[in-house]
């Protein structure tokens, strides 16, 4: 699994038997831009366009039907849902 949230940086204290991290502690990335850079279609959904969810999904389906790989970068924001828990 790949975790990108800075909130999950506490996971760095969990190491495998060889002393290596078992998760990747990546910072934020514009994955939609990366997808376009590799020839796919990258779409972004966040608080600024969340009302366009149906349109974004329809656009992704249309591109996929045309044979293009599609990635929807959905920024869900931060919550306190798992506060105090080590499950991810």
N, C-alpha and C. Protein backbone atom coordinates (compact mmCIF):
# COMPACT_ATOMS: atom_id res chain seq x y z
N UNK A 1 0.83 -1.18 0.00
CA UNK A 1 0.00 0.00 0.00
C UNK A 1 0.88 1.24 0.00
N UNK A 2 0.31 2.30 -0.50
CA UNK A 2 1.04 3.56 -0.63
C UNK A 2 0.26 4.63 0.11
N UNK A 3 0.88 5.29 1.06
CA UNK A 3 0.23 6.34 1.83
C UNK A 3 0.92 7.66 1.54
N UNK A 4 0.13 8.69 1.26
CA UNK A 4 0.72 9.96 0.89
C UNK A 4 0.44 11.07 1.90
N UNK A 5 -0.40 10.84 2.86
CA UNK A 5 -0.79 11.90 3.79
C UNK A 5 0.31 12.17 4.80
N UNK A 6 0.60 13.44 5.01
CA UNK A 6 1.54 13.81 6.05
C UNK A 6 1.07 13.37 7.43
N UNK A 7 -0.26 13.21 7.58
CA UNK A 7 -0.79 12.76 8.86
C UNK A 7 -0.34 11.35 9.19
N UNK A 8 0.06 10.58 8.18
CA UNK A 8 0.45 9.20 8.42
C UNK A 8 1.95 9.08 8.66
N UNK A 9 2.63 10.19 8.83
CA UNK A 9 4.08 10.12 9.02
C UNK A 9 4.46 9.37 10.29
N UNK A 10 3.53 9.29 11.24
CA UNK A 10 3.82 8.53 12.45
C UNK A 10 4.09 7.06 12.14
N UNK A 11 3.67 6.59 10.99
CA UNK A 11 3.91 5.20 10.61
C UNK A 11 5.38 4.92 10.39
N UNK A 12 6.17 5.97 10.26
CA UNK A 12 7.60 5.79 10.08
C UNK A 12 8.25 5.03 11.22
N UNK A 13 7.58 5.02 12.37
CA UNK A 13 8.17 4.30 13.50
C UNK A 13 7.98 2.79 13.36
N UNK A 14 7.16 2.33 12.43
CA UNK A 14 6.92 0.91 12.23
C UNK A 14 7.87 0.37 11.17
N UNK A 15 8.70 -0.54 11.52
CA UNK A 15 9.72 -1.07 10.63
C UNK A 15 9.52 -2.57 10.43
N UNK A 16 9.94 -3.06 9.29
CA UNK A 16 9.90 -4.51 9.08
C UNK A 16 11.10 -5.13 9.80
N UNK A 17 11.21 -6.48 9.80
CA UNK A 17 12.31 -7.12 10.52
C UNK A 17 13.71 -6.70 10.08
N UNK A 18 13.83 -6.12 8.90
CA UNK A 18 15.12 -5.70 8.37
C UNK A 18 15.41 -4.22 8.66
N UNK A 19 14.52 -3.58 9.42
CA UNK A 19 14.71 -2.18 9.75
C UNK A 19 14.24 -1.22 8.69
N UNK A 20 13.47 -1.72 7.72
CA UNK A 20 12.97 -0.87 6.64
C UNK A 20 11.51 -0.48 6.92
N UNK A 21 11.12 0.71 6.44
CA UNK A 21 9.72 1.12 6.56
C UNK A 21 8.85 0.20 5.72
N UNK A 22 7.68 -0.13 6.23
CA UNK A 22 6.80 -0.98 5.44
C UNK A 22 5.75 -0.17 4.69
N UNK A 23 5.83 1.13 4.78
CA UNK A 23 4.96 2.01 4.00
C UNK A 23 5.82 3.06 3.34
N UNK A 24 5.28 3.69 2.33
CA UNK A 24 5.97 4.80 1.68
C UNK A 24 5.38 6.09 2.21
N UNK A 25 6.20 6.97 2.71
CA UNK A 25 5.73 8.22 3.29
C UNK A 25 5.90 9.35 2.28
N UNK A 26 5.18 9.26 1.19
CA UNK A 26 5.28 10.24 0.13
C UNK A 26 4.55 11.52 0.48
N UNK A 27 5.02 12.60 -0.04
CA UNK A 27 4.34 13.87 0.11
C UNK A 27 3.28 13.99 -0.99
N UNK A 28 2.49 15.05 -0.95
CA UNK A 28 1.44 15.28 -1.94
C UNK A 28 2.01 15.28 -3.34
N UNK A 29 1.28 14.75 -4.28
CA UNK A 29 1.69 14.71 -5.68
C UNK A 29 0.48 14.97 -6.57
N UNK A 30 0.68 15.69 -7.65
CA UNK A 30 -0.38 15.90 -8.64
C UNK A 30 -0.45 14.67 -9.55
N UNK A 31 -1.04 13.59 -9.06
CA UNK A 31 -1.09 12.35 -9.81
C UNK A 31 -1.83 12.51 -11.13
N UNK A 32 -2.77 13.44 -11.20
CA UNK A 32 -3.47 13.69 -12.46
C UNK A 32 -2.50 14.22 -13.52
N UNK A 33 -1.57 15.07 -13.12
CA UNK A 33 -0.57 15.60 -14.04
C UNK A 33 0.39 14.48 -14.47
N UNK A 34 0.77 13.63 -13.52
CA UNK A 34 1.65 12.51 -13.83
C UNK A 34 0.99 11.58 -14.85
N UNK A 35 -0.30 11.29 -14.66
CA UNK A 35 -1.02 10.41 -15.60
C UNK A 35 -1.00 11.00 -17.01
N UNK A 36 -1.23 12.31 -17.13
CA UNK A 36 -1.19 12.94 -18.45
C UNK A 36 0.22 12.87 -19.04
N UNK A 37 1.22 13.00 -18.19
CA UNK A 37 2.60 12.92 -18.65
C UNK A 37 2.96 11.57 -19.23
N UNK A 38 2.26 10.53 -18.77
CA UNK A 38 2.50 9.17 -19.28
C UNK A 38 1.53 8.80 -20.40
N UNK A 39 0.79 9.78 -20.90
CA UNK A 39 -0.08 9.53 -22.04
C UNK A 39 -1.50 9.16 -21.71
N UNK A 40 -1.84 9.11 -20.44
CA UNK A 40 -3.21 8.82 -20.03
C UNK A 40 -4.00 10.10 -19.85
N UNK A 41 -5.17 9.98 -19.31
CA UNK A 41 -5.98 11.15 -18.97
C UNK A 41 -5.98 11.27 -17.46
N UNK A 42 -5.63 12.42 -16.95
CA UNK A 42 -5.63 12.67 -15.51
C UNK A 42 -6.68 13.70 -15.17
N UNK A 43 -7.58 13.32 -14.29
CA UNK A 43 -8.65 14.22 -13.85
C UNK A 43 -8.51 14.44 -12.35
N UNK A 44 -8.90 15.60 -11.91
CA UNK A 44 -8.76 15.94 -10.49
C UNK A 44 -10.13 16.31 -9.92
N UNK A 45 -10.39 15.78 -8.75
CA UNK A 45 -11.63 16.10 -8.05
C UNK A 45 -11.25 16.53 -6.64
N UNK A 46 -11.66 17.74 -6.26
CA UNK A 46 -11.36 18.25 -4.93
C UNK A 46 -12.48 19.18 -4.48
N UNK A 47 -12.27 19.90 -3.42
CA UNK A 47 -13.32 20.78 -2.88
C UNK A 47 -13.76 21.86 -3.87
N UNK A 48 -12.88 22.24 -4.78
CA UNK A 48 -13.22 23.32 -5.71
C UNK A 48 -14.17 22.87 -6.82
N UNK A 49 -14.21 21.55 -7.10
CA UNK A 49 -15.10 21.08 -8.16
C UNK A 49 -15.89 19.84 -7.76
N UNK A 50 -16.08 19.63 -6.45
CA UNK A 50 -16.78 18.43 -6.00
C UNK A 50 -18.21 18.36 -6.53
N UNK A 51 -18.80 19.48 -6.84
CA UNK A 51 -20.15 19.50 -7.40
C UNK A 51 -20.18 18.94 -8.83
N UNK A 52 -19.01 18.75 -9.44
CA UNK A 52 -18.90 18.21 -10.79
C UNK A 52 -18.57 16.72 -10.80
N UNK A 53 -18.82 16.03 -9.70
CA UNK A 53 -18.48 14.61 -9.58
C UNK A 53 -19.03 13.80 -10.74
N UNK A 54 -20.31 13.95 -11.03
CA UNK A 54 -20.91 13.18 -12.13
C UNK A 54 -20.22 13.46 -13.46
N UNK A 55 -19.93 14.72 -13.73
CA UNK A 55 -19.28 15.09 -14.98
C UNK A 55 -17.88 14.49 -15.07
N UNK A 56 -17.12 14.54 -13.97
CA UNK A 56 -15.77 14.00 -13.96
C UNK A 56 -15.79 12.49 -14.21
N UNK A 57 -16.70 11.79 -13.56
CA UNK A 57 -16.81 10.33 -13.75
C UNK A 57 -17.23 10.02 -15.19
N UNK A 58 -18.18 10.77 -15.73
CA UNK A 58 -18.60 10.56 -17.12
C UNK A 58 -17.46 10.82 -18.09
N UNK A 59 -16.69 11.86 -17.83
CA UNK A 59 -15.53 12.15 -18.69
C UNK A 59 -14.52 11.02 -18.62
N UNK A 60 -14.28 10.50 -17.41
CA UNK A 60 -13.34 9.38 -17.25
C UNK A 60 -13.84 8.15 -18.00
N UNK A 61 -15.12 7.85 -17.91
CA UNK A 61 -15.69 6.70 -18.60
C UNK A 61 -15.57 6.86 -20.11
N UNK A 62 -15.82 8.06 -20.60
CA UNK A 62 -15.72 8.33 -22.03
C UNK A 62 -14.30 8.12 -22.53
N UNK A 63 -13.34 8.66 -21.80
CA UNK A 63 -11.93 8.49 -22.19
C UNK A 63 -11.53 7.02 -22.15
N UNK A 64 -11.99 6.29 -21.13
CA UNK A 64 -11.65 4.87 -21.00
C UNK A 64 -12.27 4.05 -22.14
N UNK A 65 -13.49 4.39 -22.53
CA UNK A 65 -14.12 3.69 -23.66
C UNK A 65 -13.33 3.91 -24.94
N UNK A 66 -12.67 5.05 -25.03
CA UNK A 66 -11.84 5.36 -26.20
C UNK A 66 -10.47 4.70 -26.14
N UNK A 67 -10.23 3.91 -25.11
CA UNK A 67 -8.98 3.18 -25.00
C UNK A 67 -7.87 3.88 -24.25
N UNK A 68 -8.18 5.01 -23.64
CA UNK A 68 -7.15 5.77 -22.92
C UNK A 68 -7.18 5.40 -21.43
N UNK A 69 -6.00 5.15 -20.84
CA UNK A 69 -5.97 4.92 -19.39
C UNK A 69 -6.38 6.21 -18.67
N UNK A 70 -7.13 6.06 -17.59
CA UNK A 70 -7.67 7.22 -16.87
C UNK A 70 -7.37 7.11 -15.38
N UNK A 71 -6.99 8.22 -14.80
CA UNK A 71 -6.79 8.30 -13.36
C UNK A 71 -7.59 9.48 -12.83
N UNK A 72 -8.38 9.27 -11.80
CA UNK A 72 -9.07 10.37 -11.12
C UNK A 72 -8.34 10.59 -9.80
N UNK A 73 -7.71 11.75 -9.67
CA UNK A 73 -7.02 12.13 -8.45
C UNK A 73 -8.05 12.80 -7.55
N UNK A 74 -8.58 12.05 -6.61
CA UNK A 74 -9.64 12.53 -5.73
C UNK A 74 -9.05 12.92 -4.38
N UNK A 75 -8.98 14.22 -4.14
CA UNK A 75 -8.42 14.71 -2.88
C UNK A 75 -9.55 14.77 -1.85
N UNK A 76 -9.49 13.88 -0.89
CA UNK A 76 -10.61 13.75 0.06
C UNK A 76 -10.44 14.59 1.31
N UNK A 77 -9.29 15.18 1.50
CA UNK A 77 -9.09 16.04 2.65
C UNK A 77 -8.70 15.27 3.89
N UNK A 78 -8.51 15.99 4.96
CA UNK A 78 -8.06 15.41 6.22
C UNK A 78 -9.23 15.38 7.20
N UNK A 79 -9.28 14.29 7.97
CA UNK A 79 -10.29 14.19 9.03
C UNK A 79 -9.61 13.62 10.26
N UNK A 80 -10.34 13.58 11.34
CA UNK A 80 -9.84 13.00 12.59
C UNK A 80 -10.41 11.58 12.76
N UNK A 81 -10.91 11.01 11.67
CA UNK A 81 -11.56 9.71 11.70
C UNK A 81 -10.74 8.65 12.40
N UNK A 82 -9.44 8.59 12.11
CA UNK A 82 -8.59 7.53 12.67
C UNK A 82 -7.69 8.02 13.79
N UNK A 83 -7.98 9.17 14.32
CA UNK A 83 -7.15 9.72 15.38
C UNK A 83 -7.05 8.75 16.55
N UNK A 84 -5.84 8.48 16.97
CA UNK A 84 -5.61 7.56 18.08
C UNK A 84 -5.56 6.11 17.69
N UNK A 85 -5.68 5.84 16.39
CA UNK A 85 -5.66 4.46 15.90
C UNK A 85 -4.42 4.26 15.05
N UNK A 86 -3.87 3.05 15.06
CA UNK A 86 -2.74 2.77 14.18
C UNK A 86 -3.19 2.04 12.93
N UNK A 87 -4.49 1.78 12.79
CA UNK A 87 -4.97 1.11 11.57
C UNK A 87 -5.05 2.13 10.46
N UNK A 88 -4.76 1.68 9.25
CA UNK A 88 -4.81 2.58 8.09
C UNK A 88 -5.55 1.93 6.95
